């Protein structure tokens, strides 16, 4: 029985796809395909295989589990068979990589409900932003969102989807990773200096230490300021609340207890609103510098996790980060509104705070004179 189980695990983990054809014989990888040589090398190295019928499907999306499998193979991470029941084909992969502390790599990240596969989290397509976060972690730093994209672009581990453009915008972080892109990512890692996988630190890395990008690019400075706040709160991250909305962010705890069917494993705690910047375009990343008037002022913070005192402390520190000093006893006043559910208006030097409890969340709005 033990021999049969080990054979099964080996088959599942080392045979992600069934065909052993090389890229030269794949019917859907023509000679002029941009990734033909890269695909051929990846197949020869055993990083990935094709489908029956001599197909590679270069434009097919890659799942989270499949990307971790390719990364593990490329860096020869030891996969140790054991006597545990294999619930998902990637269980041995996740056991091997969990020690690296990469995003989305914990064994317990499973969705269990009667409508969806309990391994939806592993089997959903991975985005290019999520790949950037994993690759940054593999290089021993802890960046999220545009900061992770900035990092891997500056290190030469990736390039934009548009020829001749190396920018956060051209990277297309919200797009799903394709099989051809996956093997190109991994080859760039190995050829541009990432010789071995490193453990990702638990604390977020300092955005001020990001290497420069061409044309003095940098991620949205508002996000950078929020990262600085969360440096003091282990386990918290900041990211845009909605794609292409440059005036709303959320501060969250990630990788706690997966609870949503859409693959979001975050426990939402704060939504941070800035003055609306949509007039500058959905994908506006064109800040000239951190003093640019288009940066938009902090306007309100919504706290959704009322039981966690850290959420209140993060809100107060966020105001201070943007040079808005809350009045004395502000922490106690917020707690009083949470208990009484009665609106409070609190004056301060530059205007007034309006604190409102509504639908199990607290909104702290700022009105300036």
Protein backbone atom coordinates (compact mmCIF):
# COMPACT_ATOMS: atom_id res chain seq x y z
CA UNK A 1 0.00 0.00 0.00
CA UNK A 2 2.82 2.44 0.89
CA UNK A 3 4.55 1.80 -2.45
CA UNK A 4 1.30 2.38 -4.34
CA UNK A 5 0.66 5.64 -2.47
CA UNK A 6 4.17 6.93 -3.15
CA UNK A 7 3.77 6.04 -6.82
CA UNK A 8 0.46 7.90 -6.97
CA UNK A 9 1.92 11.01 -5.33
CA UNK A 10 4.90 10.99 -7.68
CA UNK A 11 2.59 10.67 -10.66
CA UNK A 12 0.33 13.51 -9.53
CA UNK A 13 3.08 15.93 -8.62
CA UNK A 14 5.48 15.28 -11.49
CA UNK A 15 2.92 14.86 -14.27
CA UNK A 16 1.00 18.09 -14.24
CA UNK A 17 0.24 17.54 -17.90
CA UNK A 18 0.51 14.37 -19.90
CA UNK A 19 2.31 14.94 -23.19
CA UNK A 20 6.08 14.63 -23.43
CA UNK A 21 6.37 16.37 -26.79
CA UNK A 22 8.83 19.20 -27.22
CA UNK A 23 7.80 22.69 -28.23
CA UNK A 24 9.01 22.04 -31.76
CA UNK A 25 6.20 19.52 -32.28
CA UNK A 26 3.37 21.38 -30.54
CA UNK A 27 0.74 22.08 -33.14
CA UNK A 28 -0.32 25.32 -31.44
CA UNK A 29 3.21 26.74 -30.98
CA UNK A 30 4.30 27.90 -34.45
CA UNK A 31 7.90 28.72 -35.27
CA UNK A 32 7.22 32.45 -35.02
CA UNK A 33 5.58 32.28 -31.58
CA UNK A 34 7.23 34.76 -29.20
CA UNK A 35 7.82 32.10 -26.52
CA UNK A 36 8.63 29.08 -28.71
CA UNK A 37 12.27 28.74 -27.60
CA UNK A 38 11.39 29.40 -23.97
CA UNK A 39 8.63 26.79 -24.04
CA UNK A 40 11.00 24.28 -25.63
CA UNK A 41 13.62 24.82 -22.93
CA UNK A 42 11.02 24.57 -20.15
CA UNK A 43 9.73 21.28 -21.56
CA UNK A 44 13.26 19.89 -21.91
CA UNK A 45 13.97 20.83 -18.26
CA UNK A 46 10.80 19.13 -17.03
CA UNK A 47 9.27 22.35 -15.71
CA UNK A 48 6.08 21.92 -17.73
CA UNK A 49 4.57 19.50 -20.20
CA UNK A 50 1.98 19.66 -22.91
CA UNK A 51 -1.47 18.22 -23.48
CA UNK A 52 -2.48 15.12 -25.43
CA UNK A 53 -2.59 15.66 -29.17
CA UNK A 54 0.70 17.56 -29.24
CA UNK A 55 -0.87 20.73 -27.85
CA UNK A 56 0.72 23.17 -25.42
CA UNK A 57 -2.11 25.73 -25.09
CA UNK A 58 0.24 28.73 -24.63
CA UNK A 59 -2.62 31.17 -23.99
CA UNK A 60 -4.41 29.06 -21.39
CA UNK A 61 -4.53 30.53 -17.89
CA UNK A 62 -2.32 29.06 -15.16
CA UNK A 63 -3.79 28.17 -11.77
CA UNK A 64 -2.20 29.11 -8.46
CA UNK A 65 -1.27 25.47 -7.80
CA UNK A 66 0.15 25.01 -11.30
CA UNK A 67 2.40 28.07 -10.94
CA UNK A 68 3.77 26.82 -7.62
CA UNK A 69 4.37 23.44 -9.25
CA UNK A 70 6.38 24.98 -12.09
CA UNK A 71 8.34 27.16 -9.69
CA UNK A 72 9.13 24.16 -7.49
CA UNK A 73 10.30 22.10 -10.44
CA UNK A 74 12.46 24.90 -11.82
CA UNK A 75 14.28 25.29 -8.49
CA UNK A 76 14.26 21.58 -7.68
CA UNK A 77 12.43 21.95 -4.38
CA UNK A 78 12.50 18.50 -2.72
CA UNK A 79 9.07 16.88 -2.76
CA UNK A 80 8.80 14.28 -0.02
CA UNK A 81 6.09 11.62 -0.44
CA UNK A 82 4.37 10.59 2.78
CA UNK A 83 1.53 8.47 4.05
CA UNK A 84 -0.95 11.32 4.31
CA UNK A 85 -4.16 11.13 2.33
CA UNK A 86 -3.80 13.15 -0.86
CA UNK A 87 -6.87 15.39 -1.07
CA UNK A 88 -5.56 17.55 -3.88
CA UNK A 89 -2.97 16.69 -6.52
CA UNK A 90 -0.78 19.62 -5.35
CA UNK A 91 -0.74 18.68 -1.64
CA UNK A 92 2.94 17.54 -1.76
CA UNK A 93 3.90 20.77 -3.56
CA UNK A 94 2.20 22.90 -0.91
CA UNK A 95 3.84 20.93 1.88
CA UNK A 96 7.24 21.56 0.30
CA UNK A 97 6.82 25.30 -0.29
CA UNK A 98 4.94 26.30 2.86
CA UNK A 99 8.21 26.99 4.68
CA UNK A 100 8.97 29.81 2.23
CA UNK A 101 5.94 31.82 3.44
CA UNK A 102 4.90 32.97 -0.03
CA UNK A 103 1.48 34.52 -0.56
CA UNK A 104 -1.28 32.01 -1.38
CA UNK A 105 0.89 29.02 -0.44
CA UNK A 106 -0.51 27.87 2.90
CA UNK A 107 -1.84 24.34 3.14
CA UNK A 108 -4.99 25.40 4.98
CA UNK A 109 -6.14 27.71 2.19
CA UNK A 110 -9.13 25.67 1.07
CA UNK A 111 -12.68 26.75 0.38
CA UNK A 112 -15.22 24.26 1.64
CA UNK A 113 -18.89 24.74 0.81
CA UNK A 114 -21.56 22.86 -1.04
CA UNK A 115 -21.41 24.96 -4.19
CA UNK A 116 -17.73 25.15 -4.98
CA UNK A 117 -14.72 22.86 -5.03
CA UNK A 118 -13.05 22.95 -1.63
CA UNK A 119 -9.80 23.69 -3.44
CA UNK A 120 -11.12 26.61 -5.46
CA UNK A 121 -8.36 28.78 -4.02
CA UNK A 122 -5.66 26.61 -5.55
CA UNK A 123 -7.42 25.94 -8.81
CA UNK A 124 -8.43 29.50 -9.73
CA UNK A 125 -6.33 31.39 -12.32
CA UNK A 126 -3.44 33.36 -10.90
CA UNK A 127 -3.08 37.05 -11.77
CA UNK A 128 0.12 38.69 -12.89
CA UNK A 129 0.10 40.85 -9.75
CA UNK A 130 -0.08 37.74 -7.57
CA UNK A 131 2.84 36.26 -9.52
CA UNK A 132 4.81 39.45 -8.86
CA UNK A 133 4.12 39.12 -5.12
CA UNK A 134 5.32 35.50 -5.14
CA UNK A 135 8.45 36.29 -7.16
CA UNK A 136 9.32 39.21 -4.89
CA UNK A 137 8.94 36.83 -1.95
CA UNK A 138 11.21 34.32 -3.68
CA UNK A 139 13.85 37.05 -3.77
CA UNK A 140 13.57 37.59 -0.02
CA UNK A 141 11.39 40.72 0.15
CA UNK A 142 7.76 41.30 1.05
CA UNK A 143 5.95 43.64 -1.33
CA UNK A 144 2.30 43.66 -2.38
CA UNK A 145 0.40 45.04 -5.35
CA UNK A 146 2.10 47.68 -7.49
CA UNK A 147 5.12 47.61 -5.18
CA UNK A 148 5.72 43.95 -6.03
CA UNK A 149 5.35 44.76 -9.73
CA UNK A 150 7.77 47.66 -9.34
CA UNK A 151 10.27 45.37 -7.62
CA UNK A 152 10.34 42.57 -10.21
CA UNK A 153 10.45 45.05 -13.10
CA UNK A 154 13.42 46.85 -11.56
CA UNK A 155 15.23 43.54 -10.99
CA UNK A 156 14.67 42.40 -14.56
CA UNK A 157 12.56 39.43 -13.49
CA UNK A 158 9.70 40.54 -15.75
CA UNK A 159 8.79 43.08 -18.39
CA UNK A 160 5.56 44.67 -19.53
CA UNK A 161 3.12 43.09 -21.93
CA UNK A 162 3.77 45.93 -24.39
CA UNK A 163 7.03 45.75 -26.31
CA UNK A 164 9.52 48.41 -25.35
CA UNK A 165 7.63 49.50 -22.24
CA UNK A 166 8.82 48.69 -18.73
CA UNK A 167 6.16 50.19 -16.51
CA UNK A 168 3.65 49.26 -13.85
CA UNK A 169 0.84 50.12 -16.24
CA UNK A 170 2.15 48.03 -19.15
CA UNK A 171 2.69 45.05 -16.85
CA UNK A 172 -1.11 44.51 -16.75
CA UNK A 173 -1.20 43.18 -13.21
CA UNK A 174 -4.93 42.38 -13.24
CA UNK A 175 -4.56 40.04 -16.20
CA UNK A 176 -4.37 36.31 -15.65
CA UNK A 177 -1.02 34.61 -16.27
CA UNK A 178 -0.83 32.37 -19.34
CA UNK A 179 1.20 29.18 -19.71
CA UNK A 180 3.60 30.85 -22.14
CA UNK A 181 4.06 33.80 -19.78
CA UNK A 182 4.65 31.46 -16.85
CA UNK A 183 7.62 29.72 -18.44
CA UNK A 184 8.99 33.12 -19.56
CA UNK A 185 8.75 34.42 -15.98
CA UNK A 186 10.61 31.45 -14.58
CA UNK A 187 13.35 31.60 -17.21
CA UNK A 188 13.88 35.31 -16.52
CA UNK A 189 14.22 34.54 -12.83
CA UNK A 190 16.92 31.95 -13.40
CA UNK A 191 18.86 33.91 -16.01
CA UNK A 192 18.67 37.30 -14.24
CA UNK A 193 20.12 36.31 -10.91
CA UNK A 194 17.61 34.42 -8.75
CA UNK A 195 19.74 31.35 -8.14
CA UNK A 196 17.67 29.89 -5.30
CA UNK A 197 14.33 30.42 -3.62
CA UNK A 198 14.48 32.52 -0.46
CA UNK A 199 12.08 32.77 2.47
CA UNK A 200 9.76 35.76 2.33
CA UNK A 201 9.96 37.90 5.51
CA UNK A 202 6.75 38.27 7.47
CA UNK A 203 6.98 42.04 7.75
CA UNK A 204 6.28 44.18 4.66
CA UNK A 205 9.43 45.59 3.07
CA UNK A 206 10.04 49.33 3.01
CA UNK A 207 8.78 50.91 -0.28
CA UNK A 208 11.50 53.56 0.02
CA UNK A 209 14.07 50.84 -0.70
CA UNK A 210 12.57 49.96 -4.09
CA UNK A 211 15.12 50.23 -6.92
CA UNK A 212 14.33 52.93 -9.49
CA UNK A 213 12.39 52.28 -12.68
CA UNK A 214 12.97 54.04 -16.01
CA UNK A 215 11.61 57.60 -16.29
CA UNK A 216 11.42 58.00 -12.51
CA UNK A 217 8.34 55.81 -12.19
CA UNK A 218 7.09 54.72 -8.81
CA UNK A 219 3.82 53.26 -7.49
CA UNK A 220 1.01 55.46 -6.26
CA UNK A 221 2.55 57.50 -3.40
CA UNK A 222 -0.68 57.27 -1.39
CA UNK A 223 -0.19 53.51 -1.27
CA UNK A 224 3.40 54.08 -0.19
CA UNK A 225 2.31 56.25 2.74
CA UNK A 226 -0.17 53.59 3.81
CA UNK A 227 2.54 50.93 3.63
CA UNK A 228 4.61 53.03 6.01
CA UNK A 229 1.75 53.02 8.52
CA UNK A 230 1.37 49.27 8.31
CA UNK A 231 5.08 48.64 8.87
CA UNK A 232 4.12 48.83 12.56
CA UNK A 233 1.31 46.26 12.25
CA UNK A 234 2.61 42.76 11.39
CA UNK A 235 0.32 40.75 9.16
CA UNK A 236 -1.42 43.78 7.64
CA UNK A 237 -1.23 44.85 4.01
CA UNK A 238 -2.61 47.61 1.85
CA UNK A 239 -3.90 47.26 -1.68
CA UNK A 240 -6.32 49.02 -4.05
CA UNK A 241 -9.91 48.31 -3.12
CA UNK A 242 -11.16 48.10 -6.69
CA UNK A 243 -9.22 47.68 -9.94
CA UNK A 244 -8.60 50.97 -11.73
CA UNK A 245 -9.94 53.12 -8.89
CA UNK A 246 -7.03 55.21 -7.71
CA UNK A 247 -8.71 56.89 -4.74
CA UNK A 248 -9.72 53.90 -2.60
CA UNK A 249 -7.51 51.47 -0.71
CA UNK A 250 -8.04 48.87 1.94
CA UNK A 251 -5.89 47.85 4.87
CA UNK A 252 -6.38 44.16 5.59
CA UNK A 253 -5.06 41.06 7.24
CA UNK A 254 -4.33 38.37 4.69
CA UNK A 255 -4.10 34.59 4.86
CA UNK A 256 -6.18 34.16 7.98
CA UNK A 257 -9.30 32.06 7.33
CA UNK A 258 -10.48 31.80 3.73
CA UNK A 259 -14.15 32.68 3.74
CA UNK A 260 -15.20 33.93 0.33
CA UNK A 261 -15.94 31.97 -2.81
CA UNK A 262 -14.18 34.48 -5.06
CA UNK A 263 -10.72 33.54 -3.79
CA UNK A 264 -10.19 36.51 -1.50
CA UNK A 265 -8.64 35.28 1.74
CA UNK A 266 -8.45 38.71 3.34
CA UNK A 267 -10.16 39.88 6.49
CA UNK A 268 -11.29 43.37 5.58
CA UNK A 269 -10.67 45.91 8.30
CA UNK A 270 -10.32 49.41 6.87
CA UNK A 271 -11.32 51.13 3.66
CA UNK A 272 -9.35 54.34 3.10
CA UNK A 273 -10.87 56.94 0.79
CA UNK A 274 -9.12 59.82 -0.94
CA UNK A 275 -10.53 62.63 -3.01
CA UNK A 276 -11.84 61.29 -6.31
CA UNK A 277 -9.15 61.16 -9.00
CA UNK A 278 -11.17 59.53 -11.77
CA UNK A 279 -10.93 62.65 -13.93
CA UNK A 280 -7.32 61.65 -14.61
CA UNK A 281 -8.27 58.27 -16.07
CA UNK A 282 -8.96 54.79 -14.77
CA UNK A 283 -5.33 53.66 -14.82
CA UNK A 284 -3.74 56.90 -13.66
CA UNK A 285 -0.24 56.24 -12.36
CA UNK A 286 1.33 59.48 -13.56
CA UNK A 287 2.35 61.18 -10.34
CA UNK A 288 5.29 63.44 -11.03
CA UNK A 289 6.43 63.37 -7.44
CA UNK A 290 5.06 62.82 -3.97
CA UNK A 291 4.09 66.48 -3.63
CA UNK A 292 1.92 66.46 -6.76
CA UNK A 293 -1.40 68.24 -6.15
CA UNK A 294 -3.17 65.44 -7.99
CA UNK A 295 -2.31 63.11 -5.14
CA UNK A 296 -5.69 63.73 -3.53
CA UNK A 297 -6.34 64.35 0.15
CA UNK A 298 -7.48 61.76 2.67
CA UNK A 299 -11.26 62.11 3.06
CA UNK A 300 -12.56 59.19 5.16
CA UNK A 301 -11.77 55.81 6.70
CA UNK A 302 -14.32 53.02 7.10
CA UNK A 303 -13.67 50.43 9.82
CA UNK A 304 -15.39 47.11 9.23
CA UNK A 305 -13.73 44.98 11.91
CA UNK A 306 -15.09 46.65 15.03
CA UNK A 307 -13.83 43.96 17.40
CA UNK A 308 -10.16 44.44 16.59
CA UNK A 309 -8.56 47.43 18.30
CA UNK A 310 -5.78 47.46 15.72
CA UNK A 311 -8.23 48.77 13.14
CA UNK A 312 -8.84 51.91 15.21
CA UNK A 313 -5.12 52.38 15.85
CA UNK A 314 -4.35 52.01 12.12
CA UNK A 315 -7.02 54.60 11.31
CA UNK A 316 -5.51 57.10 13.75
CA UNK A 317 -1.96 56.47 12.49
CA UNK A 318 -3.18 56.90 8.90
CA UNK A 319 -4.58 60.34 9.65
CA UNK A 320 -1.27 61.28 11.25
CA UNK A 321 0.67 59.98 8.26
CA UNK A 322 -1.18 62.57 6.16
CA UNK A 323 -0.44 65.37 8.64
CA UNK A 324 -3.90 65.30 10.20
CA UNK A 325 -3.52 65.26 13.96
CA UNK A 326 -6.62 63.82 15.69
CA UNK A 327 -7.88 65.58 18.82
CA UNK A 328 -7.19 64.29 22.35
CA UNK A 329 -9.12 61.16 23.39
CA UNK A 330 -9.87 60.38 19.75
CA UNK A 331 -9.41 56.65 20.35
CA UNK A 332 -11.89 56.74 23.25
CA UNK A 333 -14.37 58.82 21.24
CA UNK A 334 -14.35 56.27 18.41
CA UNK A 335 -14.94 53.48 20.90
CA UNK A 336 -17.86 55.41 22.41
CA UNK A 337 -19.52 55.69 18.99
CA UNK A 338 -19.02 51.98 18.43
CA UNK A 339 -20.84 51.30 21.71
CA UNK A 340 -23.57 53.94 21.60
CA UNK A 341 -24.04 53.91 17.80
CA UNK A 342 -24.68 57.66 18.02
CA UNK A 343 -23.12 60.11 15.58
CA UNK A 344 -20.41 62.42 16.92
CA UNK A 345 -18.87 65.56 15.42
CA UNK A 346 -15.39 66.31 16.76
CA UNK A 347 -13.65 69.61 15.89
CA UNK A 348 -9.94 69.77 15.14
CA UNK A 349 -7.60 72.53 13.97
CA UNK A 350 -8.24 72.10 10.26
CA UNK A 351 -11.94 71.26 10.35
CA UNK A 352 -13.98 68.50 11.93
CA UNK A 353 -14.26 64.73 12.15
CA UNK A 354 -17.69 63.17 11.65
CA UNK A 355 -17.95 59.69 13.20
CA UNK A 356 -20.97 57.60 12.21
CA UNK A 357 -21.94 54.00 12.99
CA UNK A 358 -24.04 52.36 10.28
CA UNK A 359 -24.66 48.76 9.16
CA UNK A 360 -22.02 47.19 11.41
CA UNK A 361 -19.24 49.53 10.34
CA UNK A 362 -17.83 52.84 11.46
CA UNK A 363 -17.09 55.75 9.12
CA UNK A 364 -14.71 58.53 10.12
CA UNK A 365 -15.11 61.40 7.65
CA UNK A 366 -12.92 64.47 7.53
CA UNK A 367 -14.29 67.90 6.62
CA UNK A 368 -11.66 70.59 6.19
CA UNK A 369 -12.27 74.32 6.59
